[in-house]
Amino acid sequence: MLRIFIPAALVAIVAIPSTAIAGEIVLTSPDLTVSFKGEFIGFHRDHYIIKYSEHEIRVPAAKMLCTGDDCLSFETVAPPEVGNEGS
């Protein structure tokens, strides 16, 4: 008889609901008058997509400040210099 043992850690990872994996972010307007706290779902066409009050909303990234582990970094990466590499 062949027995298959599944490590307890693997079972625990599979049993975690997907909402526990997604991170929470807070989007706040620069003047601090508006804020949304919700589950980060994604980023598409310069908009954060979050689950807020049981609804999926899209918020323009350029108009909000983001705090939380799942916030995106918009650091500018300089292209590599083109020149005389072989000289």
PDB file of N, CA and C in Angstrom:
ATOM      1  N   MET A   1       0.841  -1.175   0.000  1.00  0.00           N
ATOM      2  CA  MET A   1       0.000   0.000   0.000  1.00  0.00           C
ATOM      3  C   MET A   1       0.886   1.238   0.000  1.00  0.00           C
ATOM      4  N   LEU A   2       0.657   2.141  -0.939  1.00  0.00           N
ATOM      5  CA  LEU A   2       1.428   3.367  -1.067  1.00  0.00           C
ATOM      6  C   LEU A   2       0.713   4.488  -0.317  1.00  0.00           C
ATOM      7  N   ARG A   3       1.459   5.164   0.553  1.00  0.00           N
ATOM      8  CA  ARG A   3       0.881   6.288   1.304  1.00  0.00           C
ATOM      9  C   ARG A   3       1.564   7.569   0.872  1.00  0.00           C
ATOM     10  N   ILE A   4       0.773   8.593   0.714  1.00  0.00           N
ATOM     11  CA  ILE A   4       1.307   9.898   0.355  1.00  0.00           C
ATOM     12  C   ILE A   4       1.120  10.816   1.558  1.00  0.00           C
ATOM     13  N   PHE A   5       2.226  11.428   1.998  1.00  0.00           N
ATOM     14  CA  PHE A   5       2.174  12.346   3.130  1.00  0.00           C
ATOM     15  C   PHE A   5       2.304  13.773   2.610  1.00  0.00           C
ATOM     16  N   ILE A   6       1.384  14.612   2.993  1.00  0.00           N
ATOM     17  CA  ILE A   6       1.424  16.023   2.607  1.00  0.00           C
ATOM     18  C   ILE A   6       1.849  16.818   3.829  1.00  0.00           C
ATOM     19  N   PRO A   7       2.932  17.569   3.705  1.00  0.00           N
ATOM     20  CA  PRO A   7       3.395  18.361   4.849  1.00  0.00           C
ATOM     21  C   PRO A   7       2.309  19.321   5.338  1.00  0.00           C
ATOM     22  N   ALA A   8       2.237  19.480   6.650  1.00  0.00           N
ATOM     23  CA  ALA A   8       1.229  20.349   7.247  1.00  0.00           C
ATOM     24  C   ALA A   8       1.345  21.783   6.743  1.00  0.00           C
ATOM     25  N   ALA A   9       2.556  22.254   6.491  1.00  0.00           N
ATOM     26  CA  ALA A   9       2.745  23.621   6.014  1.00  0.00           C
ATOM     27  C   ALA A   9       2.094  23.822   4.648  1.00  0.00           C
ATOM     28  N   LEU A  10       2.203  22.819   3.775  1.00  0.00           N
ATOM     29  CA  LEU A  10       1.596  22.910   2.463  1.00  0.00           C
ATOM     30  C   LEU A  10       0.078  22.953   2.579  1.00  0.00           C
ATOM     31  N   VAL A  11      -0.478  22.158   3.442  1.00  0.00           N
ATOM     32  CA  VAL A  11      -1.923  22.158   3.663  1.00  0.00           C
ATOM     33  C   VAL A  11      -2.365  23.521   4.182  1.00  0.00           C
ATOM     34  N   ALA A  12      -1.600  24.113   5.081  1.00  0.00           N
ATOM     35  CA  ALA A  12      -1.941  25.414   5.640  1.00  0.00           C
ATOM     36  C   ALA A  12      -1.917  26.495   4.567  1.00  0.00           C
ATOM     37  N   ILE A  13      -0.953  26.450   3.657  1.00  0.00           N
ATOM     38  CA  ILE A  13      -0.865  27.450   2.594  1.00  0.00           C
ATOM     39  C   ILE A  13      -2.059  27.340   1.660  1.00  0.00           C
ATOM     40  N   VAL A  14      -2.430  26.147   1.299  1.00  0.00           N
ATOM     41  CA  VAL A  14      -3.559  25.933   0.402  1.00  0.00           C
ATOM     42  C   VAL A  14      -4.865  26.346   1.069  1.00  0.00           C
ATOM     43  N   ALA A  15      -4.968  26.198   2.369  1.00  0.00           N
ATOM     44  CA  ALA A  15      -6.201  26.498   3.081  1.00  0.00           C
ATOM     45  C   ALA A  15      -6.417  27.984   3.333  1.00  0.00           C
ATOM     46  N   ILE A  16      -5.397  28.811   3.118  1.00  0.00           N
ATOM     47  CA  ILE A  16      -5.529  30.246   3.356  1.00  0.00           C
ATOM     48  C   ILE A  16      -6.419  30.848   2.274  1.00  0.00           C
ATOM     49  N   PRO A  17      -7.463  31.564   2.664  1.00  0.00           N
ATOM     50  CA  PRO A  17      -8.307  32.194   1.644  1.00  0.00           C
ATOM     51  C   PRO A  17      -7.538  33.274   0.900  1.00  0.00           C
ATOM     52  N   SER A  18      -7.950  33.548  -0.337  1.00  0.00           N
ATOM     53  CA  SER A  18      -7.220  34.505  -1.161  1.00  0.00           C
ATOM     54  C   SER A  18      -7.234  35.910  -0.569  1.00  0.00           C
ATOM     55  N   THR A  19      -8.244  36.269   0.210  1.00  0.00           N
ATOM     56  CA  THR A  19      -8.281  37.601   0.800  1.00  0.00           C
ATOM     57  C   THR A  19      -7.174  37.781   1.827  1.00  0.00           C
ATOM     58  N   ALA A  20      -6.679  36.704   2.405  1.00  0.00           N
ATOM     59  CA  ALA A  20      -5.597  36.818   3.380  1.00  0.00           C
ATOM     60  C   ALA A  20      -4.266  37.095   2.695  1.00  0.00           C
ATOM     61  N   ILE A  21      -4.159  36.744   1.418  1.00  0.00           N
ATOM     62  CA  ILE A  21      -2.924  36.944   0.689  1.00  0.00           C
ATOM     63  C   ILE A  21      -2.826  38.375   0.164  1.00  0.00           C
ATOM     64  N   ALA A  22      -3.941  38.953  -0.258  1.00  0.00           N
ATOM     65  CA  ALA A  22      -3.938  40.310  -0.791  1.00  0.00           C
ATOM     66  C   ALA A  22      -3.671  41.314   0.316  1.00  0.00           C
ATOM     67  N   GLY A  23      -2.938  42.361  -0.024  1.00  0.00           N
ATOM     68  CA  GLY A  23      -2.587  43.369   0.962  1.00  0.00           C
ATOM     69  C   GLY A  23      -3.583  44.514   0.994  1.00  0.00           C
ATOM     70  N   GLU A  24      -3.606  45.179   2.109  1.00  0.00           N
ATOM     71  CA  GLU A  24      -4.486  46.327   2.279  1.00  0.00           C
ATOM     72  C   GLU A  24      -3.697  47.600   2.009  1.00  0.00           C
ATOM     73  N   ILE A  25      -4.301  48.530   1.284  1.00  0.00           N
ATOM     74  CA  ILE A  25      -3.677  49.811   1.016  1.00  0.00           C
ATOM     75  C   ILE A  25      -4.637  50.929   1.398  1.00  0.00           C
ATOM     76  N   VAL A  26      -4.083  52.114   1.580  1.00  0.00           N
ATOM     77  CA  VAL A  26      -4.881  53.306   1.836  1.00  0.00           C
ATOM     78  C   VAL A  26      -4.506  54.328   0.776  1.00  0.00           C
ATOM     79  N   LEU A  27      -5.514  54.807   0.044  1.00  0.00           N
ATOM     80  CA  LEU A  27      -5.323  55.838  -0.964  1.00  0.00           C
ATOM     81  C   LEU A  27      -5.883  57.137  -0.399  1.00  0.00           C
ATOM     82  N   THR A  28      -5.059  58.176  -0.360  1.00  0.00           N
ATOM     83  CA  THR A  28      -5.455  59.446   0.248  1.00  0.00           C
ATOM     84  C   THR A  28      -5.165  60.583  -0.715  1.00  0.00           C
ATOM     85  N   SER A  29      -6.094  61.531  -0.809  1.00  0.00           N
ATOM     86  CA  SER A  29      -5.862  62.699  -1.654  1.00  0.00           C
ATOM     87  C   SER A  29      -4.774  63.561  -1.017  1.00  0.00           C
ATOM     88  N   PRO A  30      -4.016  64.301  -1.826  1.00  0.00           N
ATOM     89  CA  PRO A  30      -2.929  65.123  -1.282  1.00  0.00           C
ATOM     90  C   PRO A  30      -3.384  66.136  -0.227  1.00  0.00           C
ATOM     91  N   ASP A  31      -4.637  66.623  -0.332  1.00  0.00           N
ATOM     92  CA  ASP A  31      -5.123  67.585   0.662  1.00  0.00           C
ATOM     93  C   ASP A  31      -5.780  66.900   1.865  1.00  0.00           C
ATOM     94  N   LEU A  32      -5.721  65.546   1.890  1.00  0.00           N
ATOM     95  CA  LEU A  32      -6.223  64.715   2.995  1.00  0.00           C
ATOM     96  C   LEU A  32      -7.728  64.780   3.196  1.00  0.00           C
ATOM     97  N   THR A  33      -8.490  65.231   2.194  1.00  0.00           N
ATOM     98  CA  THR A  33      -9.943  65.321   2.344  1.00  0.00           C
ATOM     99  C   THR A  33     -10.661  64.026   1.964  1.00  0.00           C
ATOM    100  N   VAL A  34     -10.016  63.172   1.161  1.00  0.00           N
ATOM    101  CA  VAL A  34     -10.640  61.922   0.702  1.00  0.00           C
ATOM    102  C   VAL A  34      -9.654  60.784   0.917  1.00  0.00           C
ATOM    103  N   SER A  35     -10.162  59.650   1.422  1.00  0.00           N
ATOM    104  CA  SER A  35      -9.307  58.466   1.511  1.00  0.00           C
ATOM    105  C   SER A  35     -10.138  57.207   1.345  1.00  0.00           C
ATOM    106  N   PHE A  36      -9.498  56.199   0.790  1.00  0.00           N
ATOM    107  CA  PHE A  36     -10.104  54.890   0.580  1.00  0.00           C
ATOM    108  C   PHE A  36      -9.165  53.853   1.169  1.00  0.00           C
ATOM    109  N   LYS A  37      -9.683  52.997   2.022  1.00  0.00           N
ATOM    110  CA  LYS A  37      -8.900  51.907   2.592  1.00  0.00           C
ATOM    111  C   LYS A  37      -9.529  50.611   2.106  1.00  0.00           C
ATOM    112  N   GLY A  38      -8.724  49.785   1.438  1.00  0.00           N
ATOM    113  CA  GLY A  38      -9.280  48.553   0.915  1.00  0.00           C
ATOM    114  C   GLY A  38      -8.216  47.562   0.504  1.00  0.00           C
ATOM    115  N   GLU A  39      -8.693  46.448  -0.002  1.00  0.00           N
ATOM    116  CA  GLU A  39      -7.829  45.362  -0.448  1.00  0.00           C
ATOM    117  C   GLU A  39      -7.316  45.667  -1.853  1.00  0.00           C
ATOM    118  N   PHE A  40      -5.995  45.662  -2.019  1.00  0.00           N
ATOM    119  CA  PHE A  40      -5.394  45.902  -3.329  1.00  0.00           C
ATOM    120  C   PHE A  40      -5.708  44.739  -4.251  1.00  0.00           C
ATOM    121  N   ILE A  41      -6.318  45.044  -5.397  1.00  0.00           N
ATOM    122  CA  ILE A  41      -6.644  44.010  -6.380  1.00  0.00           C
ATOM    123  C   ILE A  41      -5.670  44.061  -7.549  1.00  0.00           C
ATOM    124  N   GLY A  42      -5.343  45.273  -8.005  1.00  0.00           N
ATOM    125  CA  GLY A  42      -4.435  45.375  -9.135  1.00  0.00           C
ATOM    126  C   GLY A  42      -4.204  46.812  -9.543  1.00  0.00           C
ATOM    127  N   PHE A  43      -3.513  46.962 -10.655  1.00  0.00           N
ATOM    128  CA  PHE A  43      -3.205  48.267 -11.202  1.00  0.00           C
ATOM    129  C   PHE A  43      -3.379  48.166 -12.702  1.00  0.00           C
ATOM    130  N   HIS A  44      -4.171  49.092 -13.286  1.00  0.00           N
ATOM    131  CA  HIS A  44      -4.434  49.027 -14.718  1.00  0.00           C
ATOM    132  C   HIS A  44      -4.629  50.437 -15.258  1.00  0.00           C
ATOM    133  N   ARG A  45      -3.889  50.771 -16.297  1.00  0.00           N
ATOM    134  CA  ARG A  45      -4.014  52.072 -16.967  1.00  0.00           C
ATOM    135  C   ARG A  45      -3.974  53.239 -15.985  1.00  0.00           C
ATOM    136  N   ASP A  46      -2.947  53.272 -15.174  1.00  0.00           N
ATOM    137  CA  ASP A  46      -2.718  54.360 -14.217  1.00  0.00           C
ATOM    138  C   ASP A  46      -3.793  54.485 -13.141  1.00  0.00           C
ATOM    139  N   HIS A  47      -4.470  53.410 -12.839  1.00  0.00           N
ATOM    140  CA  HIS A  47      -5.490  53.395 -11.793  1.00  0.00           C
ATOM    141  C   HIS A  47      -5.232  52.244 -10.828  1.00  0.00           C
ATOM    142  N   TYR A  48      -5.338  52.555  -9.537  1.00  0.00           N
ATOM    143  CA  TYR A  48      -5.351  51.492  -8.534  1.00  0.00           C
ATOM    144  C   TYR A  48      -6.732  50.859  -8.568  1.00  0.00           C
ATOM    145  N   ILE A  49      -6.788  49.549  -8.436  1.00  0.00           N
ATOM    146  CA  ILE A  49      -8.062  48.848  -8.326  1.00  0.00           C
ATOM    147  C   ILE A  49      -8.078  48.229  -6.944  1.00  0.00           C
ATOM    148  N   ILE A  50      -9.076  48.617  -6.138  1.00  0.00           N
ATOM    149  CA  ILE A  50      -9.170  48.109  -4.771  1.00  0.00           C
ATOM    150  C   ILE A  50     -10.592  47.637  -4.487  1.00  0.00           C
ATOM    151  N   LYS A  51     -10.688  46.734  -3.522  1.00  0.00           N
ATOM    152  CA  LYS A  51     -11.995  46.312  -3.032  1.00  0.00           C
ATOM    153  C   LYS A  51     -12.312  47.215  -1.849  1.00  0.00           C
ATOM    154  N   TYR A  52     -13.325  48.032  -2.001  1.00  0.00           N
ATOM    155  CA  TYR A  52     -13.692  49.028  -1.003  1.00  0.00           C
ATOM    156  C   TYR A  52     -15.174  48.867  -0.691  1.00  0.00           C
ATOM    157  N   SER A  53     -15.493  48.589   0.544  1.00  0.00           N
ATOM    158  CA  SER A  53     -16.881  48.450   0.976  1.00  0.00           C
ATOM    159  C   SER A  53     -17.650  47.465   0.089  1.00  0.00           C
ATOM    160  N   GLU A  54     -17.042  46.303  -0.120  1.00  0.00           N
ATOM    161  CA  GLU A  54     -17.637  45.209  -0.903  1.00  0.00           C
ATOM    162  C   GLU A  54     -17.796  45.515  -2.397  1.00  0.00           C
ATOM    163  N   HIS A  55     -17.178  46.596  -2.885  1.00  0.00           N
ATOM    164  CA  HIS A  55     -17.233  46.936  -4.304  1.00  0.00           C
ATOM    165  C   HIS A  55     -15.819  47.116  -4.833  1.00  0.00           C
ATOM    166  N   GLU A  56     -15.642  46.854  -6.116  1.00  0.00           N
ATOM    167  CA  GLU A  56     -14.356  47.087  -6.767  1.00  0.00           C
ATOM    168  C   GLU A  56     -14.380  48.492  -7.337  1.00  0.00           C
ATOM    169  N   ILE A  57     -13.412  49.308  -6.929  1.00  0.00           N
ATOM    170  CA  ILE A  57     -13.349  50.669  -7.458  1.00  0.00           C
ATOM    171  C   ILE A  57     -11.986  50.917  -8.092  1.00  0.00           C
ATOM    172  N   ARG A  58     -11.956  51.867  -9.020  1.00  0.00           N
ATOM    173  CA  ARG A  58     -10.727  52.264  -9.706  1.00  0.00           C
ATOM    174  C   ARG A  58     -10.448  53.718  -9.344  1.00  0.00           C
ATOM    175  N   VAL A  59      -9.242  53.966  -8.859  1.00  0.00           N
ATOM    176  CA  VAL A  59      -8.871  55.295  -8.387  1.00  0.00           C
ATOM    177  C   VAL A  59      -7.629  55.752  -9.148  1.00  0.00           C
ATOM    178  N   PRO A  60      -7.657  56.954  -9.747  1.00  0.00           N
ATOM    179  CA  PRO A  60      -6.484  57.436 -10.485  1.00  0.00           C
ATOM    180  C   PRO A  60      -5.256  57.555  -9.583  1.00  0.00           C
ATOM    181  N   ALA A  61      -4.177  56.912  -9.962  1.00  0.00           N
ATOM    182  CA  ALA A  61      -2.959  56.911  -9.148  1.00  0.00           C
ATOM    183  C   ALA A  61      -2.345  58.302  -9.059  1.00  0.00           C
ATOM    184  N   ALA A  62      -2.457  59.088 -10.106  1.00  0.00           N
ATOM    185  CA  ALA A  62      -1.849  60.419 -10.122  1.00  0.00           C
ATOM    186  C   ALA A  62      -2.524  61.374  -9.136  1.00  0.00           C
ATOM    187  N   LYS A  63      -3.732  61.072  -8.715  1.00  0.00           N
ATOM    188  CA  LYS A  63      -4.483  61.965  -7.827  1.00  0.00           C
ATOM    189  C   LYS A  63      -4.427  61.552  -6.365  1.00  0.00           C
ATOM    190  N   MET A  64      -3.754  60.416  -6.052  1.00  0.00           N
ATOM    191  CA  MET A  64      -3.784  59.894  -4.695  1.00  0.00           C
ATOM    192  C   MET A  64      -2.392  59.519  -4.191  1.00  0.00           C
ATOM    193  N   LEU A  65      -2.231  59.549  -2.890  1.00  0.00           N
ATOM    194  CA  LEU A  65      -1.032  59.047  -2.226  1.00  0.00           C
ATOM    195  C   LEU A  65      -1.368  57.654  -1.709  1.00  0.00           C
ATOM    196  N   CYS A  66      -0.476  56.722  -1.886  1.00  0.00           N
ATOM    197  CA  CYS A  66      -0.734  55.345  -1.480  1.00  0.00           C
ATOM    198  C   CYS A  66       0.174  54.954  -0.325  1.00  0.00           C
ATOM    199  N   THR A  67      -0.419  54.313   0.685  1.00  0.00           N
ATOM    200  CA  THR A  67       0.359  53.749   1.786  1.00  0.00           C
ATOM    201  C   THR A  67      -0.048  52.293   1.967  1.00  0.00           C
ATOM    202  N   GLY A  68       0.933  51.467   2.255  1.00  0.00           N
ATOM    203  CA  GLY A  68       0.699  50.039   2.428  1.00  0.00           C
ATOM    204  C   GLY A  68       1.752  49.244   1.687  1.00  0.00           C
ATOM    205  N   ASP A  69       1.909  47.994   2.067  1.00  0.00           N
ATOM    206  CA  ASP A  69       2.947  47.144   1.476  1.00  0.00           C
ATOM    207  C   ASP A  69       2.742  46.876  -0.012  1.00  0.00           C
ATOM    208  N   ASP A  70       1.499  46.903  -0.485  1.00  0.00           N
ATOM    209  CA  ASP A  70       1.231  46.591  -1.889  1.00  0.00           C
ATOM    210  C   ASP A  70       1.213  47.808  -2.802  1.00  0.00           C
ATOM    211  N   CYS A  71       1.552  48.985  -2.286  1.00  0.00           N
ATOM    212  CA  CYS A  71       1.612  50.181  -3.130  1.00  0.00           C
ATOM    213  C   CYS A  71       2.735  50.029  -4.147  1.00  0.00           C
ATOM    214  N   LEU A  72       2.501  50.572  -5.327  1.00  0.00           N
ATOM    215  CA  LEU A  72       3.492  50.503  -6.388  1.00  0.00           C
ATOM    216  C   LEU A  72       4.492  51.631  -6.246  1.00  0.00           C
ATOM    217  N   SER A  73       5.706  51.393  -6.695  1.00  0.00           N
ATOM    218  CA  SER A  73       6.749  52.408  -6.699  1.00  0.00           C
ATOM    219  C   SER A  73       6.866  52.949  -8.113  1.00  0.00           C
ATOM    220  N   PHE A  74       6.802  54.268  -8.247  1.00  0.00           N
ATOM    221  CA  PHE A  74       6.879  54.876  -9.566  1.00  0.00           C
ATOM    222  C   PHE A  74       8.220  55.553  -9.791  1.00  0.00           C
ATOM    223  N   GLU A  75       9.272  54.924  -9.291  1.00  0.00           N
ATOM    224  CA  GLU A  75      10.609  55.474  -9.487  1.00  0.00           C
ATOM    225  C   GLU A  75      10.966  55.408 -10.960  1.00  0.00           C
ATOM    226  N   THR A  76      11.579  56.455 -11.435  1.00  0.00           N
ATOM    227  CA  THR A  76      11.999  56.495 -12.834  1.00  0.00           C
ATOM    228  C   THR A  76      13.316  55.747 -12.971  1.00  0.00           C
ATOM    229  N   VAL A  77      13.335  54.848 -13.901  1.00  0.00           N
ATOM    230  CA  VAL A  77      14.548  54.084 -14.166  1.00  0.00           C
ATOM    231  C   VAL A  77      15.166  54.638 -15.438  1.00  0.00           C
ATOM    232  N   ALA A  78      16.391  55.107 -15.338  1.00  0.00           N
ATOM    233  CA  ALA A  78      17.080  55.675 -16.498  1.00  0.00           C
ATOM    234  C   ALA A  78      17.453  54.567 -17.468  1.00  0.00           C
ATOM    235  N   PRO A  79      17.260  54.822 -18.760  1.00  0.00           N
ATOM    236  CA  PRO A  79      17.662  53.805 -19.739  1.00  0.00           C
ATOM    237  C   PRO A  79      19.171  53.683 -19.762  1.00  0.00           C
ATOM    238  N   PRO A  80      19.694  52.530 -20.167  1.00  0.00           N
ATOM    239  CA  PRO A  80      21.148  52.368 -20.221  1.00  0.00           C
ATOM    240  C   PRO A  80      21.738  53.340 -21.234  1.00  0.00           C
ATOM    241  N   GLU A  81      22.923  53.827 -20.924  1.00  0.00           N
ATOM    242  CA  GLU A  81      23.585  54.761 -21.832  1.00  0.00           C
ATOM    243  C   GLU A  81      24.059  54.023 -23.065  1.00  0.00           C
ATOM    244  N   VAL A  82      23.861  54.689 -24.192  1.00  0.00           N
ATOM    245  CA  VAL A  82      24.335  54.139 -25.452  1.00  0.00           C
ATOM    246  C   VAL A  82      25.593  54.907 -25.822  1.00  0.00           C
ATOM    247  N   GLY A  83      26.639  54.193 -26.064  1.00  0.00           N
ATOM    248  CA  GLY A  83      27.884  54.896 -26.388  1.00  0.00           C
ATOM    249  C   GLY A  83      28.930  53.940 -26.904  1.00  0.00           C
ATOM    250  N   ASN A  84      30.145  54.233 -26.599  1.00  0.00           N
ATOM    251  CA  ASN A  84      31.263  53.426 -27.053  1.00  0.00           C
ATOM    252  C   ASN A  84      31.664  52.437 -25.977  1.00  0.00           C
ATOM    253  N   GLU A  85      30.858  51.370 -25.824  1.00  0.00           N
ATOM    254  CA  GLU A  85      31.164  50.371 -24.808  1.00  0.00           C
ATOM    255  C   GLU A  85      32.448  49.616 -25.103  1.00  0.00           C
ATOM    256  N   GLY A  86      32.750  49.413 -26.375  1.00  0.00           N
ATOM    257  CA  GLY A  86      33.908  48.604 -26.741  1.00  0.00           C
ATOM    258  C   GLY A  86      35.213  49.380 -26.854  1.00  0.00           C
ATOM    259  N   SER A  87      35.191  50.677 -26.685  1.00  0.00           N
ATOM    260  CA  SER A  87      36.413  51.480 -26.877  1.00  0.00           C
ATOM    261  C   SER A  87      37.290  51.494 -25.664  1.00  0.00           C
TER     262      SER A  87
END
